[in-house]
Structure formats: structure tokens, C-alpha cells
């Protein structure tokens, strides 16, 4: 859960807000810390993370179908045979468009 705060050689590894959120969500979905409900926890965490940082999600971009598809891909990238960097990039790009200042 510390992934958004990681630094490398004194520089932030995830400098933009969308990169921080994506790193946090991808770690949460990748390691599945709960027996069930990891995708629901990820969605609630995304909303809370945005609210705590005075941001919101544009529902026209990040709708229910987009969230479900993205979270399923992030949680099951191994089984789907998708490289994790591709899933992380998709997540970062979608969230960069969907997260707006409140």
C-alpha cells in the first residue's frame, strides 16, 4: 500500500496523481489481500483516494463497465496472459482521463 510513495534516487517513482492511483490500485488488485471482494475494495479505495485529494471521477469515462473490465484485467492478468506493464499502462491512461479536479 506504500507503492504511491516510492522514491528512486530521491525522485518520486509515480509523479502524477493518476500514476499514484494506478500504482495503488494495481498493487491492491495484483496481490488480492482479501479472501473476496478485492475489486469492490479497489473501487471504494479509488473513490476515497480521489475524495481525500479533492478529485472526482468522470462517470462518462470511468463507468461501471470500464471499471469492471479494468479491475478484472488487473486482478487476473496472469491467468489472461497479459503483461503486467500493459495492464498498468491501460489503468494509468484511463484514470488520467477520468480523474478531474473537484
N, C-alpha and C. Protein backbone atom coordinates (compact mmCIF):
# COMPACT_ATOMS: atom_id res chain seq x y z
N UNK A 1 0.81 -1.19 0.00
CA UNK A 1 0.00 0.00 0.00
C UNK A 1 0.86 1.26 0.00
N UNK A 2 2.14 1.09 0.17
CA UNK A 2 3.05 2.23 0.17
C UNK A 2 3.53 2.57 -1.24
N UNK A 3 3.14 1.81 -2.22
CA UNK A 3 3.66 1.99 -3.57
C UNK A 3 3.56 3.41 -4.12
N UNK A 4 2.48 4.15 -3.90
CA UNK A 4 2.42 5.52 -4.44
C UNK A 4 3.49 6.45 -3.87
N UNK A 5 4.05 6.10 -2.72
CA UNK A 5 5.03 6.96 -2.07
C UNK A 5 6.48 6.57 -2.38
N UNK A 6 6.68 5.58 -3.22
CA UNK A 6 8.03 5.09 -3.53
C UNK A 6 8.86 6.17 -4.22
N UNK A 7 10.14 6.24 -3.81
CA UNK A 7 11.07 7.15 -4.47
C UNK A 7 12.24 6.33 -5.00
N UNK A 8 12.83 6.82 -6.06
CA UNK A 8 14.01 6.20 -6.66
C UNK A 8 15.05 7.29 -6.86
N UNK A 9 16.17 7.11 -6.19
CA UNK A 9 17.25 8.10 -6.25
C UNK A 9 16.75 9.51 -5.91
N UNK A 10 15.89 9.58 -4.90
CA UNK A 10 15.39 10.86 -4.44
C UNK A 10 14.26 11.45 -5.26
N UNK A 11 13.81 10.76 -6.29
CA UNK A 11 12.70 11.25 -7.13
C UNK A 11 11.50 10.33 -6.97
N UNK A 12 10.33 10.92 -7.09
CA UNK A 12 9.11 10.12 -6.99
C UNK A 12 9.05 9.13 -8.15
N UNK A 13 8.75 7.88 -7.84
CA UNK A 13 8.60 6.88 -8.89
C UNK A 13 7.29 7.10 -9.66
N UNK A 14 6.30 7.65 -8.99
CA UNK A 14 4.99 7.92 -9.60
C UNK A 14 4.66 9.40 -9.39
N UNK A 15 5.13 10.27 -10.27
CA UNK A 15 4.99 11.71 -10.03
C UNK A 15 3.57 12.27 -10.20
N UNK A 16 2.78 11.75 -11.10
CA UNK A 16 1.45 12.33 -11.31
C UNK A 16 0.41 11.62 -10.44
N UNK A 17 -0.70 12.29 -10.22
CA UNK A 17 -1.77 11.72 -9.40
C UNK A 17 -2.30 10.42 -10.01
N UNK A 18 -2.50 10.41 -11.33
CA UNK A 18 -3.03 9.19 -11.97
C UNK A 18 -2.05 8.03 -11.84
N UNK A 19 -0.76 8.32 -11.85
CA UNK A 19 0.24 7.25 -11.66
C UNK A 19 0.20 6.72 -10.23
N UNK A 20 0.03 7.61 -9.27
CA UNK A 20 -0.06 7.19 -7.87
C UNK A 20 -1.29 6.31 -7.65
N UNK A 21 -2.44 6.75 -8.17
CA UNK A 21 -3.67 5.99 -8.02
C UNK A 21 -3.55 4.64 -8.72
N UNK A 22 -2.99 4.64 -9.91
CA UNK A 22 -2.83 3.38 -10.67
C UNK A 22 -1.91 2.42 -9.95
N UNK A 23 -0.81 2.92 -9.39
CA UNK A 23 0.12 2.06 -8.66
C UNK A 23 -0.56 1.46 -7.43
N UNK A 24 -1.31 2.27 -6.73
CA UNK A 24 -2.03 1.80 -5.55
C UNK A 24 -3.05 0.72 -5.91
N UNK A 25 -3.89 1.00 -6.92
CA UNK A 25 -4.92 0.04 -7.31
C UNK A 25 -4.32 -1.24 -7.89
N UNK A 26 -3.30 -1.09 -8.71
CA UNK A 26 -2.69 -2.28 -9.31
C UNK A 26 -2.09 -3.18 -8.24
N UNK A 27 -1.43 -2.59 -7.24
CA UNK A 27 -0.87 -3.39 -6.15
C UNK A 27 -1.99 -4.08 -5.37
N UNK A 28 -3.06 -3.37 -5.11
CA UNK A 28 -4.17 -3.94 -4.37
C UNK A 28 -4.80 -5.11 -5.14
N UNK A 29 -4.99 -4.94 -6.43
CA UNK A 29 -5.61 -5.99 -7.24
C UNK A 29 -4.64 -7.13 -7.55
N UNK A 30 -3.38 -6.82 -7.69
CA UNK A 30 -2.38 -7.83 -8.02
C UNK A 30 -2.18 -8.82 -6.88
N UNK A 31 -2.12 -8.32 -5.66
CA UNK A 31 -1.82 -9.18 -4.52
C UNK A 31 -3.05 -9.71 -3.81
N UNK A 32 -4.24 -9.20 -4.13
CA UNK A 32 -5.51 -9.69 -3.58
C UNK A 32 -5.42 -10.02 -2.10
N UNK A 33 -5.32 -9.01 -1.24
CA UNK A 33 -5.12 -9.27 0.19
C UNK A 33 -6.33 -9.86 0.91
N UNK A 34 -7.50 -9.80 0.30
CA UNK A 34 -8.71 -10.29 0.96
C UNK A 34 -9.19 -11.58 0.31
N UNK A 35 -9.92 -12.34 1.06
CA UNK A 35 -10.43 -13.62 0.56
C UNK A 35 -11.44 -13.40 -0.57
N UNK A 36 -12.18 -12.34 -0.49
CA UNK A 36 -13.16 -11.99 -1.52
C UNK A 36 -13.40 -10.49 -1.49
N UNK A 37 -13.92 -9.95 -2.54
CA UNK A 37 -14.26 -8.54 -2.58
C UNK A 37 -13.13 -7.60 -2.91
N UNK A 38 -12.03 -8.11 -3.46
CA UNK A 38 -10.88 -7.25 -3.76
C UNK A 38 -11.22 -6.16 -4.78
N UNK A 39 -12.02 -6.49 -5.77
CA UNK A 39 -12.37 -5.48 -6.78
C UNK A 39 -13.30 -4.42 -6.18
N UNK A 40 -14.19 -4.83 -5.30
CA UNK A 40 -15.07 -3.84 -4.64
C UNK A 40 -14.26 -2.93 -3.72
N UNK A 41 -13.31 -3.51 -3.01
CA UNK A 41 -12.44 -2.71 -2.15
C UNK A 41 -11.61 -1.75 -3.00
N UNK A 42 -11.14 -2.22 -4.15
CA UNK A 42 -10.36 -1.36 -5.05
C UNK A 42 -11.20 -0.17 -5.52
N UNK A 43 -12.44 -0.40 -5.87
CA UNK A 43 -13.31 0.69 -6.33
C UNK A 43 -13.57 1.68 -5.19
N UNK A 44 -13.88 1.17 -4.01
CA UNK A 44 -14.10 2.05 -2.85
C UNK A 44 -12.83 2.83 -2.53
N UNK A 45 -11.68 2.17 -2.64
CA UNK A 45 -10.40 2.84 -2.37
C UNK A 45 -10.12 3.93 -3.39
N UNK A 46 -10.45 3.67 -4.64
CA UNK A 46 -10.26 4.67 -5.70
C UNK A 46 -11.09 5.91 -5.40
N UNK A 47 -12.34 5.72 -5.07
CA UNK A 47 -13.22 6.85 -4.77
C UNK A 47 -12.71 7.61 -3.54
N UNK A 48 -12.33 6.89 -2.50
CA UNK A 48 -11.82 7.54 -1.28
C UNK A 48 -10.51 8.29 -1.56
N UNK A 49 -9.60 7.67 -2.31
CA UNK A 49 -8.32 8.29 -2.65
C UNK A 49 -8.55 9.60 -3.39
N UNK A 50 -9.50 9.58 -4.32
CA UNK A 50 -9.82 10.80 -5.08
C UNK A 50 -10.43 11.86 -4.16
N UNK A 51 -11.39 11.46 -3.33
CA UNK A 51 -12.04 12.43 -2.45
C UNK A 51 -11.06 13.05 -1.47
N UNK A 52 -10.15 12.26 -0.94
CA UNK A 52 -9.17 12.79 0.01
C UNK A 52 -8.21 13.78 -0.65
N UNK A 53 -8.11 13.73 -1.97
CA UNK A 53 -7.21 14.62 -2.70
C UNK A 53 -7.97 15.61 -3.57
N UNK A 54 -9.23 15.90 -3.19
CA UNK A 54 -10.07 16.87 -3.89
C UNK A 54 -10.18 16.60 -5.38
N UNK A 55 -10.40 15.36 -5.72
CA UNK A 55 -10.59 14.97 -7.11
C UNK A 55 -11.84 14.11 -7.19
N UNK A 56 -12.34 13.94 -8.40
CA UNK A 56 -13.51 13.10 -8.62
C UNK A 56 -13.33 12.33 -9.91
N UNK A 57 -14.19 11.34 -10.10
CA UNK A 57 -14.14 10.53 -11.32
C UNK A 57 -15.24 10.97 -12.27
N UNK A 58 -14.89 11.14 -13.53
CA UNK A 58 -15.86 11.47 -14.57
C UNK A 58 -16.55 10.17 -14.97
N UNK A 59 -17.82 10.04 -14.62
CA UNK A 59 -18.57 8.81 -14.87
C UNK A 59 -18.80 8.54 -16.36
N UNK A 60 -18.61 9.56 -17.19
CA UNK A 60 -18.76 9.34 -18.63
C UNK A 60 -17.57 8.56 -19.16
N UNK A 61 -16.44 8.66 -18.51
CA UNK A 61 -15.23 7.95 -18.93
C UNK A 61 -15.04 6.67 -18.12
N UNK A 62 -15.16 6.79 -16.81
CA UNK A 62 -14.95 5.65 -15.92
C UNK A 62 -16.31 5.17 -15.42
N UNK A 63 -17.03 4.49 -16.30
CA UNK A 63 -18.34 3.97 -15.94
C UNK A 63 -18.21 2.56 -15.36
N UNK A 64 -19.34 1.97 -15.05
CA UNK A 64 -19.34 0.64 -14.42
C UNK A 64 -18.65 -0.41 -15.28
N UNK A 65 -18.92 -0.39 -16.57
CA UNK A 65 -18.32 -1.38 -17.47
C UNK A 65 -16.80 -1.19 -17.57
N UNK A 66 -16.34 0.05 -17.67
CA UNK A 66 -14.90 0.32 -17.75
C UNK A 66 -14.20 -0.12 -16.47
N UNK A 67 -14.82 0.16 -15.33
CA UNK A 67 -14.23 -0.24 -14.04
C UNK A 67 -14.16 -1.76 -13.93
N UNK A 68 -15.24 -2.43 -14.27
CA UNK A 68 -15.27 -3.89 -14.17
C UNK A 68 -14.22 -4.53 -15.07
N UNK A 69 -14.15 -4.08 -16.30
CA UNK A 69 -13.18 -4.62 -17.25
C UNK A 69 -11.75 -4.38 -16.78
N UNK A 70 -11.46 -3.17 -16.39
CA UNK A 70 -10.11 -2.83 -15.96
C UNK A 70 -9.70 -3.61 -14.71
N UNK A 71 -10.58 -3.68 -13.73
CA UNK A 71 -10.25 -4.37 -12.49
C UNK A 71 -10.11 -5.87 -12.70
N UNK A 72 -10.93 -6.46 -13.56
CA UNK A 72 -10.79 -7.89 -13.86
C UNK A 72 -9.46 -8.17 -14.54
N UNK A 73 -9.06 -7.30 -15.46
CA UNK A 73 -7.78 -7.48 -16.16
C UNK A 73 -6.61 -7.33 -15.19
N UNK A 74 -6.70 -6.37 -14.27
CA UNK A 74 -5.62 -6.16 -13.31
C UNK A 74 -5.53 -7.31 -12.31
N UNK A 75 -6.68 -7.80 -11.87
CA UNK A 75 -6.68 -8.89 -10.89
C UNK A 75 -6.28 -10.22 -11.52
N UNK A 76 -6.57 -10.42 -12.81
CA UNK A 76 -6.32 -11.71 -13.43
C UNK A 76 -5.35 -11.68 -14.58
N UNK A 77 -4.43 -10.72 -14.60
CA UNK A 77 -3.53 -10.60 -15.75
C UNK A 77 -2.68 -11.85 -15.95
N UNK A 78 -2.33 -12.54 -14.87
CA UNK A 78 -1.52 -13.77 -15.01
C UNK A 78 -2.29 -14.83 -15.78
N UNK A 79 -3.53 -15.07 -15.34
CA UNK A 79 -4.36 -16.09 -15.99
C UNK A 79 -4.71 -15.71 -17.43
N UNK A 80 -4.83 -14.42 -17.68
CA UNK A 80 -5.17 -13.94 -19.02
C UNK A 80 -3.95 -13.87 -19.94
N UNK A 81 -2.75 -14.00 -19.37
CA UNK A 81 -1.52 -13.95 -20.17
C UNK A 81 -1.17 -12.55 -20.65
N UNK A 82 -1.57 -11.54 -19.88
CA UNK A 82 -1.30 -10.15 -20.25
C UNK A 82 -0.10 -9.66 -19.44
N UNK A 83 0.88 -9.05 -20.07
CA UNK A 83 2.00 -8.50 -19.30
C UNK A 83 1.51 -7.44 -18.31
N UNK A 84 2.01 -7.46 -17.07
CA UNK A 84 1.51 -6.51 -16.07
C UNK A 84 1.74 -5.05 -16.46
N UNK A 85 2.83 -4.79 -17.18
CA UNK A 85 3.08 -3.39 -17.58
C UNK A 85 2.02 -2.88 -18.55
N UNK A 86 1.44 -3.78 -19.34
CA UNK A 86 0.36 -3.37 -20.25
C UNK A 86 -0.90 -3.01 -19.47
N UNK A 87 -1.22 -3.82 -18.48
CA UNK A 87 -2.41 -3.56 -17.67
C UNK A 87 -2.22 -2.27 -16.88
N UNK A 88 -1.04 -2.09 -16.30
CA UNK A 88 -0.77 -0.85 -15.55
C UNK A 88 -0.88 0.37 -16.47
N UNK A 89 -0.35 0.27 -17.68
CA UNK A 89 -0.41 1.39 -18.62
C UNK A 89 -1.87 1.71 -18.97
N UNK A 90 -2.69 0.68 -19.23
CA UNK A 90 -4.11 0.89 -19.53
C UNK A 90 -4.80 1.59 -18.36
N UNK A 91 -4.50 1.13 -17.15
CA UNK A 91 -5.11 1.72 -15.96
C UNK A 91 -4.70 3.18 -15.82
N UNK A 92 -3.41 3.45 -15.97
CA UNK A 92 -2.90 4.82 -15.84
C UNK A 92 -3.52 5.75 -16.87
N UNK A 93 -3.62 5.29 -18.12
CA UNK A 93 -4.18 6.14 -19.18
C UNK A 93 -5.66 6.40 -18.97
N UNK A 94 -6.41 5.38 -18.58
CA UNK A 94 -7.84 5.57 -18.35
C UNK A 94 -8.08 6.51 -17.16
N UNK A 95 -7.35 6.29 -16.08
CA UNK A 95 -7.54 7.15 -14.92
C UNK A 95 -7.06 8.57 -15.15
N UNK A 96 -6.05 8.74 -15.97
CA UNK A 96 -5.59 10.10 -16.30
C UNK A 96 -6.69 10.89 -16.99
N UNK A 97 -7.49 10.22 -17.80
CA UNK A 97 -8.61 10.89 -18.48
C UNK A 97 -9.81 11.05 -17.56
N UNK A 98 -10.01 10.09 -16.65
CA UNK A 98 -11.25 10.05 -15.85
C UNK A 98 -11.19 10.89 -14.58
N UNK A 99 -10.01 11.10 -14.02
CA UNK A 99 -9.90 11.85 -12.77
C UNK A 99 -9.81 13.34 -13.06
N UNK A 100 -10.71 14.09 -12.44
CA UNK A 100 -10.75 15.54 -12.63
C UNK A 100 -10.77 16.24 -11.28
N UNK A 101 -10.36 17.49 -11.25
CA UNK A 101 -10.39 18.27 -10.01
C UNK A 101 -11.83 18.47 -9.58
N UNK A 102 -12.04 18.40 -8.29
CA UNK A 102 -13.41 18.53 -7.73
C UNK A 102 -13.83 19.99 -7.66
